[in-house]
Amino acid sequence: MAFIDNFDLSQTATVSRRTWTSDGMGGGSYTNITVATIKCAVWQKTASEVIVSDRLHNKSTHTLACLPNASFLADDVITIGAATYKISKPDDIRGFGELMVIDLELTG
């Protein structure tokens, strides 16, 4: 049995990225575009994990696990159902060969 078989990747996440759209007259605006839809598992951290996270000045509230073929940038927005998250530690996206683990902060 593979390590990834221990995870139920039945949730669907939409990864959105903020991009600049020119209006053709020297201005423009930022919009979020969907860059990926991935299968994943998301769970809420335990109270002790959140306390440790806050002491490290990191607001991680949830953990996401997905296949390693996903690509994330620091400012990406991740939506799962009605919940919206941001990547809380973009420099600490951990890969375990067949699994990628990311700390998230619930934003809405």
N, C-alpha and C. Protein backbone atom coordinates (compact mmCIF):
# COMPACT_ATOMS: atom_id res chain seq x y z
N MET A 1 0.84 -1.17 0.00
CA MET A 1 0.00 0.00 0.00
C MET A 1 0.89 1.24 0.00
N ALA A 2 0.58 2.18 -0.87
CA ALA A 2 1.35 3.42 -0.97
C ALA A 2 0.94 4.39 0.13
N PHE A 3 1.86 5.28 0.50
CA PHE A 3 1.61 6.29 1.53
C PHE A 3 0.37 7.13 1.21
N ILE A 4 0.21 7.48 -0.05
CA ILE A 4 -0.91 8.33 -0.46
C ILE A 4 -2.26 7.63 -0.27
N ASP A 5 -2.27 6.32 -0.21
CA ASP A 5 -3.53 5.59 -0.02
C ASP A 5 -4.15 5.85 1.35
N ASN A 6 -3.39 6.45 2.27
CA ASN A 6 -3.91 6.78 3.59
C ASN A 6 -4.74 8.07 3.58
N PHE A 7 -4.78 8.77 2.46
CA PHE A 7 -5.49 10.04 2.36
C PHE A 7 -6.68 9.90 1.43
N ASP A 8 -7.79 10.51 1.82
CA ASP A 8 -9.00 10.54 1.00
C ASP A 8 -9.00 11.83 0.20
N LEU A 9 -8.52 11.79 -1.02
CA LEU A 9 -8.42 12.99 -1.85
C LEU A 9 -9.72 13.21 -2.62
N SER A 10 -10.83 13.27 -1.89
CA SER A 10 -12.14 13.37 -2.55
C SER A 10 -12.67 14.80 -2.63
N GLN A 11 -12.00 15.75 -1.99
CA GLN A 11 -12.44 17.14 -2.08
C GLN A 11 -11.85 17.77 -3.33
N THR A 12 -12.54 18.77 -3.86
CA THR A 12 -12.07 19.48 -5.05
C THR A 12 -11.74 20.92 -4.68
N ALA A 13 -10.54 21.35 -5.00
CA ALA A 13 -10.09 22.71 -4.72
C ALA A 13 -9.86 23.45 -6.03
N THR A 14 -10.22 24.72 -6.02
CA THR A 14 -9.95 25.61 -7.15
C THR A 14 -8.81 26.53 -6.74
N VAL A 15 -7.76 26.58 -7.55
CA VAL A 15 -6.62 27.45 -7.28
C VAL A 15 -6.74 28.66 -8.20
N SER A 16 -6.82 29.85 -7.59
CA SER A 16 -6.95 31.10 -8.35
C SER A 16 -5.70 31.95 -8.15
N ARG A 17 -5.34 32.67 -9.19
CA ARG A 17 -4.14 33.50 -9.15
C ARG A 17 -4.50 34.93 -9.57
N ARG A 18 -3.98 35.90 -8.83
CA ARG A 18 -4.22 37.31 -9.12
C ARG A 18 -3.37 37.72 -10.31
N THR A 19 -4.01 38.27 -11.34
CA THR A 19 -3.28 38.70 -12.53
C THR A 19 -3.71 40.10 -12.93
N TRP A 20 -2.83 40.80 -13.59
CA TRP A 20 -3.09 42.16 -14.07
C TRP A 20 -3.70 42.08 -15.46
N THR A 21 -4.81 42.76 -15.65
CA THR A 21 -5.47 42.81 -16.95
C THR A 21 -5.46 44.25 -17.43
N SER A 22 -4.82 44.48 -18.56
CA SER A 22 -4.73 45.83 -19.12
C SER A 22 -6.07 46.22 -19.74
N ASP A 23 -6.41 47.51 -19.62
CA ASP A 23 -7.63 48.00 -20.27
C ASP A 23 -7.34 48.56 -21.66
N GLY A 24 -6.07 48.50 -22.10
CA GLY A 24 -5.69 48.96 -23.42
C GLY A 24 -5.48 50.46 -23.52
N MET A 25 -5.65 51.18 -22.42
CA MET A 25 -5.48 52.64 -22.44
C MET A 25 -4.50 53.09 -21.37
N GLY A 26 -3.61 52.23 -20.97
CA GLY A 26 -2.60 52.59 -19.98
C GLY A 26 -2.95 52.20 -18.56
N GLY A 27 -4.12 51.75 -18.35
CA GLY A 27 -4.54 51.33 -17.00
C GLY A 27 -4.89 49.86 -16.99
N GLY A 28 -5.59 49.47 -15.99
CA GLY A 28 -6.02 48.09 -15.90
C GLY A 28 -6.46 47.77 -14.49
N SER A 29 -6.66 46.48 -14.25
CA SER A 29 -7.09 46.07 -12.92
C SER A 29 -6.62 44.65 -12.66
N TYR A 30 -6.61 44.31 -11.38
CA TYR A 30 -6.28 42.95 -10.98
C TYR A 30 -7.54 42.11 -10.95
N THR A 31 -7.43 40.90 -11.44
CA THR A 31 -8.53 39.95 -11.37
C THR A 31 -7.96 38.59 -10.97
N ASN A 32 -8.80 37.76 -10.39
CA ASN A 32 -8.39 36.40 -10.06
C ASN A 32 -8.86 35.47 -11.16
N ILE A 33 -7.94 34.68 -11.69
CA ILE A 33 -8.31 33.70 -12.70
C ILE A 33 -8.01 32.30 -12.14
N THR A 34 -8.83 31.35 -12.52
CA THR A 34 -8.62 29.97 -12.09
C THR A 34 -7.48 29.37 -12.89
N VAL A 35 -6.47 28.86 -12.18
CA VAL A 35 -5.32 28.26 -12.86
C VAL A 35 -5.29 26.75 -12.72
N ALA A 36 -6.06 26.21 -11.77
CA ALA A 36 -6.07 24.75 -11.60
C ALA A 36 -7.27 24.32 -10.77
N THR A 37 -7.71 23.11 -11.01
CA THR A 37 -8.69 22.43 -10.17
C THR A 37 -8.05 21.11 -9.77
N ILE A 38 -7.93 20.89 -8.46
CA ILE A 38 -7.20 19.72 -7.98
C ILE A 38 -8.05 18.90 -7.01
N LYS A 39 -7.75 17.62 -6.93
CA LYS A 39 -8.33 16.75 -5.91
C LYS A 39 -7.43 16.83 -4.68
N CYS A 40 -8.05 16.91 -3.51
CA CYS A 40 -7.24 17.10 -2.31
C CYS A 40 -7.98 16.61 -1.06
N ALA A 41 -7.28 16.66 0.05
CA ALA A 41 -7.86 16.43 1.37
C ALA A 41 -7.49 17.65 2.21
N VAL A 42 -8.44 18.19 2.95
CA VAL A 42 -8.19 19.34 3.82
C VAL A 42 -8.72 19.02 5.20
N TRP A 43 -7.93 19.33 6.21
CA TRP A 43 -8.41 19.11 7.57
C TRP A 43 -7.95 20.27 8.44
N GLN A 44 -8.74 20.51 9.49
CA GLN A 44 -8.45 21.57 10.44
C GLN A 44 -7.37 21.11 11.39
N LYS A 45 -6.45 22.00 11.71
CA LYS A 45 -5.38 21.66 12.65
C LYS A 45 -5.94 21.55 14.07
N THR A 46 -5.26 20.79 14.89
CA THR A 46 -5.66 20.68 16.28
C THR A 46 -5.32 21.98 17.01
N ALA A 47 -5.90 22.18 18.18
CA ALA A 47 -5.66 23.40 18.96
C ALA A 47 -4.17 23.59 19.26
N SER A 48 -3.47 22.52 19.60
CA SER A 48 -2.04 22.65 19.92
C SER A 48 -1.23 23.01 18.68
N GLU A 49 -1.60 22.50 17.52
CA GLU A 49 -0.89 22.87 16.30
C GLU A 49 -1.09 24.35 15.98
N VAL A 50 -2.29 24.87 16.23
CA VAL A 50 -2.57 26.28 15.96
C VAL A 50 -1.79 27.16 16.92
N ILE A 51 -1.68 26.77 18.19
CA ILE A 51 -0.91 27.55 19.17
C ILE A 51 0.56 27.63 18.75
N VAL A 52 1.14 26.51 18.37
CA VAL A 52 2.53 26.50 17.91
C VAL A 52 2.67 27.36 16.67
N SER A 53 1.74 27.26 15.76
CA SER A 53 1.76 28.04 14.53
C SER A 53 1.73 29.53 14.83
N ASP A 54 0.85 29.95 15.75
CA ASP A 54 0.75 31.37 16.10
C ASP A 54 2.03 31.88 16.75
N ARG A 55 2.69 31.04 17.54
CA ARG A 55 3.95 31.45 18.16
C ARG A 55 5.04 31.67 17.13
N LEU A 56 4.93 30.99 16.02
CA LEU A 56 5.90 31.15 14.93
C LEU A 56 5.49 32.26 13.97
N HIS A 57 4.49 33.06 14.37
CA HIS A 57 3.96 34.15 13.54
C HIS A 57 3.42 33.64 12.22
N ASN A 58 2.73 32.55 12.31
CA ASN A 58 2.19 31.90 11.14
C ASN A 58 0.75 31.54 11.47
N LYS A 59 -0.16 31.93 10.65
CA LYS A 59 -1.58 31.75 10.95
C LYS A 59 -2.17 30.51 10.28
N SER A 60 -1.49 29.40 10.38
CA SER A 60 -2.00 28.17 9.77
C SER A 60 -3.19 27.65 10.57
N THR A 61 -4.30 27.44 9.87
CA THR A 61 -5.49 26.89 10.52
C THR A 61 -5.87 25.53 9.95
N HIS A 62 -5.42 25.25 8.73
CA HIS A 62 -5.78 24.01 8.05
C HIS A 62 -4.56 23.45 7.32
N THR A 63 -4.66 22.20 6.95
CA THR A 63 -3.62 21.54 6.16
C THR A 63 -4.26 20.95 4.93
N LEU A 64 -3.60 21.11 3.78
CA LEU A 64 -4.07 20.56 2.51
C LEU A 64 -3.07 19.52 2.04
N ALA A 65 -3.56 18.39 1.58
CA ALA A 65 -2.71 17.36 0.97
C ALA A 65 -3.25 17.11 -0.44
N CYS A 66 -2.33 17.02 -1.41
CA CYS A 66 -2.74 16.78 -2.79
C CYS A 66 -1.62 16.05 -3.52
N LEU A 67 -1.89 15.68 -4.74
CA LEU A 67 -0.87 15.03 -5.56
C LEU A 67 0.21 16.05 -5.90
N PRO A 68 1.45 15.61 -6.12
CA PRO A 68 2.55 16.55 -6.32
C PRO A 68 2.58 17.24 -7.68
N ASN A 69 1.62 16.97 -8.54
CA ASN A 69 1.62 17.62 -9.85
C ASN A 69 0.97 19.00 -9.82
N ALA A 70 0.49 19.44 -8.65
CA ALA A 70 -0.10 20.77 -8.51
C ALA A 70 1.00 21.81 -8.39
N SER A 71 0.71 23.03 -8.82
CA SER A 71 1.68 24.12 -8.75
C SER A 71 1.04 25.28 -8.00
N PHE A 72 1.74 25.80 -7.00
CA PHE A 72 1.22 26.89 -6.19
C PHE A 72 2.21 28.04 -6.14
N LEU A 73 1.68 29.27 -6.09
CA LEU A 73 2.49 30.46 -5.85
C LEU A 73 2.04 31.05 -4.52
N ALA A 74 2.88 31.90 -3.93
CA ALA A 74 2.63 32.43 -2.59
C ALA A 74 1.29 33.16 -2.46
N ASP A 75 0.85 33.85 -3.50
CA ASP A 75 -0.37 34.66 -3.41
C ASP A 75 -1.62 33.95 -3.93
N ASP A 76 -1.52 32.68 -4.23
CA ASP A 76 -2.69 31.95 -4.75
C ASP A 76 -3.79 31.87 -3.71
N VAL A 77 -5.02 31.87 -4.20
CA VAL A 77 -6.20 31.70 -3.36
C VAL A 77 -6.76 30.32 -3.65
N ILE A 78 -7.06 29.57 -2.59
CA ILE A 78 -7.57 28.21 -2.74
C ILE A 78 -8.99 28.18 -2.20
N THR A 79 -9.93 27.74 -3.04
CA THR A 79 -11.34 27.68 -2.66
C THR A 79 -11.79 26.23 -2.65
N ILE A 80 -12.40 25.82 -1.54
CA ILE A 80 -12.95 24.47 -1.41
C ILE A 80 -14.37 24.64 -0.88
N GLY A 81 -15.33 24.36 -1.71
CA GLY A 81 -16.72 24.60 -1.33
C GLY A 81 -16.92 26.09 -1.12
N ALA A 82 -17.46 26.48 0.04
CA ALA A 82 -17.68 27.89 0.34
C ALA A 82 -16.51 28.51 1.11
N ALA A 83 -15.49 27.72 1.44
CA ALA A 83 -14.35 28.21 2.22
C ALA A 83 -13.23 28.69 1.31
N THR A 84 -12.60 29.79 1.72
CA THR A 84 -11.48 30.36 0.97
C THR A 84 -10.25 30.38 1.87
N TYR A 85 -9.10 30.00 1.30
CA TYR A 85 -7.86 29.90 2.05
C TYR A 85 -6.75 30.62 1.30
N LYS A 86 -5.71 31.00 2.05
CA LYS A 86 -4.47 31.44 1.42
C LYS A 86 -3.35 30.56 1.96
N ILE A 87 -2.26 30.49 1.23
CA ILE A 87 -1.13 29.69 1.66
C ILE A 87 -0.42 30.45 2.77
N SER A 88 -0.34 29.85 3.96
CA SER A 88 0.20 30.57 5.11
C SER A 88 1.72 30.55 5.17
N LYS A 89 2.34 29.52 4.62
CA LYS A 89 3.80 29.43 4.62
C LYS A 89 4.27 29.02 3.22
N PRO A 90 4.31 29.97 2.28
CA PRO A 90 4.66 29.59 0.90
C PRO A 90 6.06 29.04 0.76
N ASP A 91 6.95 29.33 1.71
CA ASP A 91 8.31 28.80 1.62
C ASP A 91 8.42 27.42 2.26
N ASP A 92 7.30 26.86 2.71
CA ASP A 92 7.33 25.56 3.38
C ASP A 92 6.29 24.61 2.80
N ILE A 93 6.23 24.53 1.47
CA ILE A 93 5.38 23.55 0.82
C ILE A 93 6.19 22.26 0.77
N ARG A 94 5.68 21.24 1.44
CA ARG A 94 6.45 20.03 1.62
C ARG A 94 6.00 18.93 0.65
N GLY A 95 6.95 18.32 0.01
CA GLY A 95 6.67 17.21 -0.87
C GLY A 95 7.16 15.91 -0.26
N PHE A 96 6.35 14.90 -0.36
CA PHE A 96 6.72 13.58 0.16
C PHE A 96 6.67 12.57 -0.98
N GLY A 97 7.26 12.92 -2.10
CA GLY A 97 7.26 12.02 -3.25
C GLY A 97 5.91 11.99 -3.93
N GLU A 98 5.01 11.19 -3.39
CA GLU A 98 3.70 11.04 -4.02
C GLU A 98 2.63 11.94 -3.41
N LEU A 99 3.03 12.84 -2.51
CA LEU A 99 2.08 13.70 -1.81
C LEU A 99 2.69 15.06 -1.53
N MET A 100 1.90 16.13 -1.68
CA MET A 100 2.32 17.48 -1.35
C MET A 100 1.46 17.97 -0.19
N VAL A 101 2.09 18.58 0.83
CA VAL A 101 1.37 19.06 2.01
C VAL A 101 1.60 20.55 2.14
N ILE A 102 0.51 21.31 2.34
CA ILE A 102 0.57 22.77 2.38
C ILE A 102 -0.21 23.28 3.58
N ASP A 103 0.37 24.22 4.33
CA ASP A 103 -0.34 24.86 5.44
C ASP A 103 -1.17 26.02 4.88
N LEU A 104 -2.43 26.10 5.32
CA LEU A 104 -3.35 27.12 4.84
C LEU A 104 -3.88 27.96 5.99
N GLU A 105 -4.33 29.17 5.64
CA GLU A 105 -5.03 30.03 6.58
C GLU A 105 -6.43 30.28 6.02
N LEU A 106 -7.45 30.01 6.83
CA LEU A 106 -8.82 30.26 6.43
C LEU A 106 -9.04 31.76 6.37
N THR A 107 -9.52 32.26 5.22
CA THR A 107 -9.72 33.70 5.06
C THR A 107 -11.19 34.07 4.85
N GLY A 108 -12.00 33.11 4.54
CA GLY A 108 -13.41 33.44 4.31
C GLY A 108 -14.25 32.24 4.03
